[in-house]
Amino acid sequence: MLPCPKIVVDRKDPLDVAQETNHSIRAVDRYMKDFNRVRLCHEDGKNPEFISLATSLNRTVVKEYLQIIEDSKICS
């Protein structure tokens, strides 16, 4: 499971999330960097296939990030 929902949806501190998920803070930062790249492309109206190519992320990962974005809109 990606740590991003805990940060984006639950609004937890990245350091706490790193400890809870047994990830390094560096890994959590990388996940959030990738998430933000996907979010920016999505906000620009790009489709998942384009986002995958532009970010060099697997389509499945892009779709997971897009689902987190949709979930965070519901929670806002």
PDB file of N, CA and C in Angstrom:
ATOM      1  N   MET A   1       0.833  -1.184   0.000  1.00  0.00           N
ATOM      2  CA  MET A   1       0.000   0.000   0.000  1.00  0.00           C
ATOM      3  C   MET A   1       0.875   1.244   0.000  1.00  0.00           C
ATOM      4  N   LEU A   2       0.511   2.208  -0.807  1.00  0.00           N
ATOM      5  CA  LEU A   2       1.244   3.458  -0.875  1.00  0.00           C
ATOM      6  C   LEU A   2       0.972   4.293   0.378  1.00  0.00           C
ATOM      7  N   PRO A   3       1.988   4.979   0.878  1.00  0.00           N
ATOM      8  CA  PRO A   3       1.789   5.810   2.068  1.00  0.00           C
ATOM      9  C   PRO A   3       1.064   7.119   1.773  1.00  0.00           C
ATOM     10  N   CYS A   4       0.859   7.451   0.513  1.00  0.00           N
ATOM     11  CA  CYS A   4       0.269   8.743   0.148  1.00  0.00           C
ATOM     12  C   CYS A   4      -1.110   8.996   0.753  1.00  0.00           C
ATOM     13  N   PRO A   5      -2.019   8.008   0.794  1.00  0.00           N
ATOM     14  CA  PRO A   5      -3.334   8.315   1.376  1.00  0.00           C
ATOM     15  C   PRO A   5      -3.250   8.778   2.824  1.00  0.00           C
ATOM     16  N   LYS A   6      -2.318   8.240   3.562  1.00  0.00           N
ATOM     17  CA  LYS A   6      -2.180   8.649   4.960  1.00  0.00           C
ATOM     18  C   LYS A   6      -1.774  10.115   5.054  1.00  0.00           C
ATOM     19  N   ILE A   7      -1.015  10.586   4.092  1.00  0.00           N
ATOM     20  CA  ILE A   7      -0.570  11.976   4.098  1.00  0.00           C
ATOM     21  C   ILE A   7      -1.628  12.879   3.472  1.00  0.00           C
ATOM     22  N   VAL A   8      -2.154  12.473   2.313  1.00  0.00           N
ATOM     23  CA  VAL A   8      -3.082  13.314   1.568  1.00  0.00           C
ATOM     24  C   VAL A   8      -4.483  13.293   2.174  1.00  0.00           C
ATOM     25  N   VAL A   9      -5.012  12.115   2.425  1.00  0.00           N
ATOM     26  CA  VAL A   9      -6.390  11.989   2.906  1.00  0.00           C
ATOM     27  C   VAL A   9      -6.464  12.178   4.418  1.00  0.00           C
ATOM     28  N   ASP A  10      -5.599  11.473   5.147  1.00  0.00           N
ATOM     29  CA  ASP A  10      -5.637  11.528   6.613  1.00  0.00           C
ATOM     30  C   ASP A  10      -4.856  12.722   7.180  1.00  0.00           C
ATOM     31  N   ARG A  11      -4.075  13.396   6.325  1.00  0.00           N
ATOM     32  CA  ARG A  11      -3.286  14.572   6.715  1.00  0.00           C
ATOM     33  C   ARG A  11      -2.308  14.295   7.860  1.00  0.00           C
ATOM     34  N   LYS A  12      -1.649  13.139   7.759  1.00  0.00           N
ATOM     35  CA  LYS A  12      -0.650  12.770   8.765  1.00  0.00           C
ATOM     36  C   LYS A  12       0.715  13.304   8.372  1.00  0.00           C
ATOM     37  N   ASP A  13       1.566  13.444   9.350  1.00  0.00           N
ATOM     38  CA  ASP A  13       2.937  13.890   9.137  1.00  0.00           C
ATOM     39  C   ASP A  13       3.720  12.802   8.399  1.00  0.00           C
ATOM     40  N   PRO A  14       4.500  13.162   7.366  1.00  0.00           N
ATOM     41  CA  PRO A  14       5.260  12.161   6.615  1.00  0.00           C
ATOM     42  C   PRO A  14       6.191  11.313   7.489  1.00  0.00           C
ATOM     43  N   LEU A  15       6.777  11.894   8.514  1.00  0.00           N
ATOM     44  CA  LEU A  15       7.657  11.123   9.392  1.00  0.00           C
ATOM     45  C   LEU A  15       6.871  10.046  10.138  1.00  0.00           C
ATOM     46  N   ASP A  16       5.675  10.393  10.613  1.00  0.00           N
ATOM     47  CA  ASP A  16       4.816   9.405  11.278  1.00  0.00           C
ATOM     48  C   ASP A  16       4.404   8.300  10.309  1.00  0.00           C
ATOM     49  N   VAL A  17       4.089   8.698   9.085  1.00  0.00           N
ATOM     50  CA  VAL A  17       3.687   7.721   8.065  1.00  0.00           C
ATOM     51  C   VAL A  17       4.846   6.782   7.754  1.00  0.00           C
ATOM     52  N   ALA A  18       6.043   7.310   7.655  1.00  0.00           N
ATOM     53  CA  ALA A  18       7.220   6.470   7.392  1.00  0.00           C
ATOM     54  C   ALA A  18       7.366   5.416   8.482  1.00  0.00           C
ATOM     55  N   GLN A  19       7.194   5.819   9.726  1.00  0.00           N
ATOM     56  CA  GLN A  19       7.309   4.874  10.833  1.00  0.00           C
ATOM     57  C   GLN A  19       6.179   3.851  10.819  1.00  0.00           C
ATOM     58  N   GLU A  20       4.951   4.298  10.549  1.00  0.00           N
ATOM     59  CA  GLU A  20       3.792   3.397  10.536  1.00  0.00           C
ATOM     60  C   GLU A  20       3.875   2.364   9.422  1.00  0.00           C
ATOM     61  N   THR A  21       4.435   2.761   8.286  1.00  0.00           N
ATOM     62  CA  THR A  21       4.456   1.881   7.115  1.00  0.00           C
ATOM     63  C   THR A  21       5.795   1.167   6.926  1.00  0.00           C
ATOM     64  N   ASN A  22       6.712   1.370   7.867  1.00  0.00           N
ATOM     65  CA  ASN A  22       8.048   0.778   7.784  1.00  0.00           C
ATOM     66  C   ASN A  22       8.773   1.155   6.491  1.00  0.00           C
ATOM     67  N   HIS A  23       8.617   2.428   6.094  1.00  0.00           N
ATOM     68  CA  HIS A  23       9.336   2.987   4.952  1.00  0.00           C
ATOM     69  C   HIS A  23      10.326   4.011   5.497  1.00  0.00           C
ATOM     70  N   SER A  24      11.347   4.266   4.724  1.00  0.00           N
ATOM     71  CA  SER A  24      12.252   5.357   5.091  1.00  0.00           C
ATOM     72  C   SER A  24      11.578   6.678   4.737  1.00  0.00           C
ATOM     73  N   ILE A  25      12.003   7.742   5.382  1.00  0.00           N
ATOM     74  CA  ILE A  25      11.456   9.059   5.051  1.00  0.00           C
ATOM     75  C   ILE A  25      11.795   9.415   3.608  1.00  0.00           C
ATOM     76  N   ARG A  26      12.945   8.944   3.135  1.00  0.00           N
ATOM     77  CA  ARG A  26      13.330   9.168   1.741  1.00  0.00           C
ATOM     78  C   ARG A  26      12.337   8.500   0.783  1.00  0.00           C
ATOM     79  N   ALA A  27      11.914   7.282   1.112  1.00  0.00           N
ATOM     80  CA  ALA A  27      10.942   6.580   0.268  1.00  0.00           C
ATOM     81  C   ALA A  27       9.600   7.301   0.278  1.00  0.00           C
ATOM     82  N   VAL A  28       9.156   7.735   1.451  1.00  0.00           N
ATOM     83  CA  VAL A  28       7.887   8.465   1.550  1.00  0.00           C
ATOM     84  C   VAL A  28       7.972   9.753   0.737  1.00  0.00           C
ATOM     85  N   ASP A  29       9.090  10.451   0.825  1.00  0.00           N
ATOM     86  CA  ASP A  29       9.277  11.670   0.036  1.00  0.00           C
ATOM     87  C   ASP A  29       9.206  11.378  -1.460  1.00  0.00           C
ATOM     88  N   ARG A  30       9.802  10.259  -1.879  1.00  0.00           N
ATOM     89  CA  ARG A  30       9.762   9.885  -3.301  1.00  0.00           C
ATOM     90  C   ARG A  30       8.334   9.581  -3.740  1.00  0.00           C
ATOM     91  N   TYR A  31       7.592   8.841  -2.905  1.00  0.00           N
ATOM     92  CA  TYR A  31       6.188   8.560  -3.218  1.00  0.00           C
ATOM     93  C   TYR A  31       5.393   9.861  -3.369  1.00  0.00           C
ATOM     94  N   MET A  32       5.633  10.803  -2.467  1.00  0.00           N
ATOM     95  CA  MET A  32       4.896  12.068  -2.523  1.00  0.00           C
ATOM     96  C   MET A  32       5.315  12.902  -3.736  1.00  0.00           C
ATOM     97  N   LYS A  33       6.583  12.844  -4.096  1.00  0.00           N
ATOM     98  CA  LYS A  33       7.044  13.554  -5.293  1.00  0.00           C
ATOM     99  C   LYS A  33       6.355  12.988  -6.527  1.00  0.00           C
ATOM    100  N   ASP A  34       6.320  11.662  -6.636  1.00  0.00           N
ATOM    101  CA  ASP A  34       5.637  11.020  -7.761  1.00  0.00           C
ATOM    102  C   ASP A  34       4.150  11.351  -7.746  1.00  0.00           C
ATOM    103  N   PHE A  35       3.535  11.299  -6.569  1.00  0.00           N
ATOM    104  CA  PHE A  35       2.115  11.624  -6.443  1.00  0.00           C
ATOM    105  C   PHE A  35       1.842  13.040  -6.943  1.00  0.00           C
ATOM    106  N   ASN A  36       2.669  13.979  -6.553  1.00  0.00           N
ATOM    107  CA  ASN A  36       2.461  15.368  -6.960  1.00  0.00           C
ATOM    108  C   ASN A  36       2.671  15.570  -8.457  1.00  0.00           C
ATOM    109  N   ARG A  37       3.580  14.821  -9.046  1.00  0.00           N
ATOM    110  CA  ARG A  37       3.749  14.898 -10.506  1.00  0.00           C
ATOM    111  C   ARG A  37       2.499  14.394 -11.213  1.00  0.00           C
ATOM    112  N   VAL A  38       1.937  13.289 -10.722  1.00  0.00           N
ATOM    113  CA  VAL A  38       0.704  12.743 -11.297  1.00  0.00           C
ATOM    114  C   VAL A  38      -0.443  13.739 -11.101  1.00  0.00           C
ATOM    115  N   ARG A  39      -0.531  14.319  -9.907  1.00  0.00           N
ATOM    116  CA  ARG A  39      -1.606  15.273  -9.603  1.00  0.00           C
ATOM    117  C   ARG A  39      -1.541  16.475 -10.549  1.00  0.00           C
ATOM    118  N   LEU A  40      -0.347  17.015 -10.773  1.00  0.00           N
ATOM    119  CA  LEU A  40      -0.207  18.164 -11.662  1.00  0.00           C
ATOM    120  C   LEU A  40      -0.621  17.829 -13.094  1.00  0.00           C
ATOM    121  N   CYS A  41      -0.217  16.661 -13.572  1.00  0.00           N
ATOM    122  CA  CYS A  41      -0.626  16.235 -14.923  1.00  0.00           C
ATOM    123  C   CYS A  41      -2.135  16.053 -14.990  1.00  0.00           C
ATOM    124  N   HIS A  42      -2.712  15.449 -13.956  1.00  0.00           N
ATOM    125  CA  HIS A  42      -4.159  15.226 -13.910  1.00  0.00           C
ATOM    126  C   HIS A  42      -4.905  16.555 -13.916  1.00  0.00           C
ATOM    127  N   GLU A  43      -4.429  17.514 -13.125  1.00  0.00           N
ATOM    128  CA  GLU A  43      -5.065  18.836 -13.079  1.00  0.00           C
ATOM    129  C   GLU A  43      -4.956  19.557 -14.412  1.00  0.00           C
ATOM    130  N   ASP A  44      -3.943  19.201 -15.209  1.00  0.00           N
ATOM    131  CA  ASP A  44      -3.753  19.787 -16.533  1.00  0.00           C
ATOM    132  C   ASP A  44      -4.591  19.065 -17.589  1.00  0.00           C
ATOM    133  N   GLY A  45      -5.368  18.068 -17.150  1.00  0.00           N
ATOM    134  CA  GLY A  45      -6.281  17.383 -18.064  1.00  0.00           C
ATOM    135  C   GLY A  45      -5.677  16.219 -18.827  1.00  0.00           C
ATOM    136  N   LYS A  46      -4.515  15.768 -18.421  1.00  0.00           N
ATOM    137  CA  LYS A  46      -3.867  14.657 -19.130  1.00  0.00           C
ATOM    138  C   LYS A  46      -4.498  13.328 -18.735  1.00  0.00           C
ATOM    139  N   ASN A  47      -4.508  12.390 -19.680  1.00  0.00           N
ATOM    140  CA  ASN A  47      -5.085  11.073 -19.408  1.00  0.00           C
ATOM    141  C   ASN A  47      -4.035  10.162 -18.766  1.00  0.00           C
ATOM    142  N   PRO A  48      -4.479   9.040 -18.164  1.00  0.00           N
ATOM    143  CA  PRO A  48      -3.548   8.153 -17.460  1.00  0.00           C
ATOM    144  C   PRO A  48      -2.398   7.632 -18.321  1.00  0.00           C
ATOM    145  N   GLU A  49      -2.663   7.357 -19.584  1.00  0.00           N
ATOM    146  CA  GLU A  49      -1.603   6.849 -20.455  1.00  0.00           C
ATOM    147  C   GLU A  49      -0.517   7.906 -20.660  1.00  0.00           C
ATOM    148  N   PHE A  50      -0.946   9.155 -20.895  1.00  0.00           N
ATOM    149  CA  PHE A  50       0.020  10.241 -21.051  1.00  0.00           C
ATOM    150  C   PHE A  50       0.818  10.433 -19.767  1.00  0.00           C
ATOM    151  N   ILE A  51       0.122  10.420 -18.622  1.00  0.00           N
ATOM    152  CA  ILE A  51       0.786  10.619 -17.336  1.00  0.00           C
ATOM    153  C   ILE A  51       1.833   9.532 -17.108  1.00  0.00           C
ATOM    154  N   SER A  52       1.479   8.300 -17.457  1.00  0.00           N
ATOM    155  CA  SER A  52       2.417   7.191 -17.295  1.00  0.00           C
ATOM    156  C   SER A  52       3.677   7.413 -18.125  1.00  0.00           C
ATOM    157  N   LEU A  53       3.501   7.833 -19.363  1.00  0.00           N
ATOM    158  CA  LEU A  53       4.653   8.086 -20.230  1.00  0.00           C
ATOM    159  C   LEU A  53       5.465   9.295 -19.744  1.00  0.00           C
ATOM    160  N   ALA A  54       4.787  10.355 -19.348  1.00  0.00           N
ATOM    161  CA  ALA A  54       5.477  11.584 -18.940  1.00  0.00           C
ATOM    162  C   ALA A  54       6.247  11.417 -17.630  1.00  0.00           C
ATOM    163  N   THR A  55       5.731  10.598 -16.737  1.00  0.00           N
ATOM    164  CA  THR A  55       6.356  10.435 -15.421  1.00  0.00           C
ATOM    165  C   THR A  55       7.225   9.185 -15.318  1.00  0.00           C
ATOM    166  N   SER A  56       7.159   8.333 -16.321  1.00  0.00           N
ATOM    167  CA  SER A  56       7.859   7.039 -16.312  1.00  0.00           C
ATOM    168  C   SER A  56       7.385   6.145 -15.176  1.00  0.00           C
ATOM    169  N   LEU A  57       6.122   6.313 -14.793  1.00  0.00           N
ATOM    170  CA  LEU A  57       5.521   5.462 -13.770  1.00  0.00           C
ATOM    171  C   LEU A  57       4.627   4.424 -14.440  1.00  0.00           C
ATOM    172  N   ASN A  58       4.575   3.260 -13.855  1.00  0.00           N
ATOM    173  CA  ASN A  58       3.711   2.194 -14.334  1.00  0.00           C
ATOM    174  C   ASN A  58       2.259   2.673 -14.343  1.00  0.00           C
ATOM    175  N   ARG A  59       1.474   2.253 -15.338  1.00  0.00           N
ATOM    176  CA  ARG A  59       0.064   2.673 -15.433  1.00  0.00           C
ATOM    177  C   ARG A  59      -0.729   2.297 -14.190  1.00  0.00           C
ATOM    178  N   THR A  60      -0.432   1.159 -13.616  1.00  0.00           N
ATOM    179  CA  THR A  60      -1.134   0.738 -12.397  1.00  0.00           C
ATOM    180  C   THR A  60      -0.865   1.712 -11.263  1.00  0.00           C
ATOM    181  N   VAL A  61       0.373   2.144 -11.126  1.00  0.00           N
ATOM    182  CA  VAL A  61       0.727   3.108 -10.081  1.00  0.00           C
ATOM    183  C   VAL A  61       0.024   4.439 -10.348  1.00  0.00           C
ATOM    184  N   VAL A  62       0.013   4.879 -11.598  1.00  0.00           N
ATOM    185  CA  VAL A  62      -0.669   6.123 -11.955  1.00  0.00           C
ATOM    186  C   VAL A  62      -2.148   6.022 -11.579  1.00  0.00           C
ATOM    187  N   LYS A  63      -2.771   4.898 -11.877  1.00  0.00           N
ATOM    188  CA  LYS A  63      -4.190   4.729 -11.545  1.00  0.00           C
ATOM    189  C   LYS A  63      -4.414   4.733 -10.032  1.00  0.00           C
ATOM    190  N   GLU A  64      -3.474   4.167  -9.273  1.00  0.00           N
ATOM    191  CA  GLU A  64      -3.584   4.210  -7.810  1.00  0.00           C
ATOM    192  C   GLU A  64      -3.501   5.650  -7.319  1.00  0.00           C
ATOM    193  N   TYR A  65      -2.562   6.419  -7.868  1.00  0.00           N
ATOM    194  CA  TYR A  65      -2.444   7.821  -7.483  1.00  0.00           C
ATOM    195  C   TYR A  65      -3.709   8.594  -7.864  1.00  0.00           C
ATOM    196  N   LEU A  66      -4.245   8.330  -9.041  1.00  0.00           N
ATOM    197  CA  LEU A  66      -5.473   9.013  -9.459  1.00  0.00           C
ATOM    198  C   LEU A  66      -6.644   8.672  -8.535  1.00  0.00           C
ATOM    199  N   GLN A  67      -6.698   7.441  -8.059  1.00  0.00           N
ATOM    200  CA  GLN A  67      -7.747   7.058  -7.117  1.00  0.00           C
ATOM    201  C   GLN A  67      -7.579   7.813  -5.794  1.00  0.00           C
ATOM    202  N   ILE A  68      -6.337   7.977  -5.352  1.00  0.00           N
ATOM    203  CA  ILE A  68      -6.078   8.739  -4.129  1.00  0.00           C
ATOM    204  C   ILE A  68      -6.537  10.190  -4.316  1.00  0.00           C
ATOM    205  N   ILE A  69      -6.281  10.740  -5.500  1.00  0.00           N
ATOM    206  CA  ILE A  69      -6.716  12.117  -5.783  1.00  0.00           C
ATOM    207  C   ILE A  69      -8.237  12.210  -5.688  1.00  0.00           C
ATOM    208  N   GLU A  70      -8.930  11.264  -6.286  1.00  0.00           N
ATOM    209  CA  GLU A  70     -10.397  11.273  -6.225  1.00  0.00           C
ATOM    210  C   GLU A  70     -10.883  11.100  -4.789  1.00  0.00           C
ATOM    211  N   ASP A  71     -10.259  10.196  -4.043  1.00  0.00           N
ATOM    212  CA  ASP A  71     -10.649   9.979  -2.640  1.00  0.00           C
ATOM    213  C   ASP A  71     -10.428  11.236  -1.803  1.00  0.00           C
ATOM    214  N   SER A  72      -9.350  11.952  -2.075  1.00  0.00           N
ATOM    215  CA  SER A  72      -9.059  13.164  -1.295  1.00  0.00           C
ATOM    216  C   SER A  72     -10.057  14.274  -1.613  1.00  0.00           C
ATOM    217  N   LYS A  73     -10.623  14.283  -2.818  1.00  0.00           N
ATOM    218  CA  LYS A  73     -11.653  15.267  -3.149  1.00  0.00           C
ATOM    219  C   LYS A  73     -12.931  15.007  -2.375  1.00  0.00           C
ATOM    220  N   ILE A  74     -13.248  13.737  -2.176  1.00  0.00           N
ATOM    221  CA  ILE A  74     -14.443  13.348  -1.423  1.00  0.00           C
ATOM    222  C   ILE A  74     -14.290  13.761   0.028  1.00  0.00           C
ATOM    223  N   CYS A  75     -13.070  13.611   0.561  1.00  0.00           N
ATOM    224  CA  CYS A  75     -12.821  13.889   1.978  1.00  0.00           C
ATOM    225  C   CYS A  75     -12.670  15.382   2.256  1.00  0.00           C
ATOM    226  N   SER A  76     -12.444  16.187   1.234  1.00  0.00           N
ATOM    227  CA  SER A  76     -12.198  17.628   1.447  1.00  0.00           C
ATOM    228  C   SER A  76     -13.460  18.362   1.805  1.00  0.00           C
TER     229      SER A  76
END
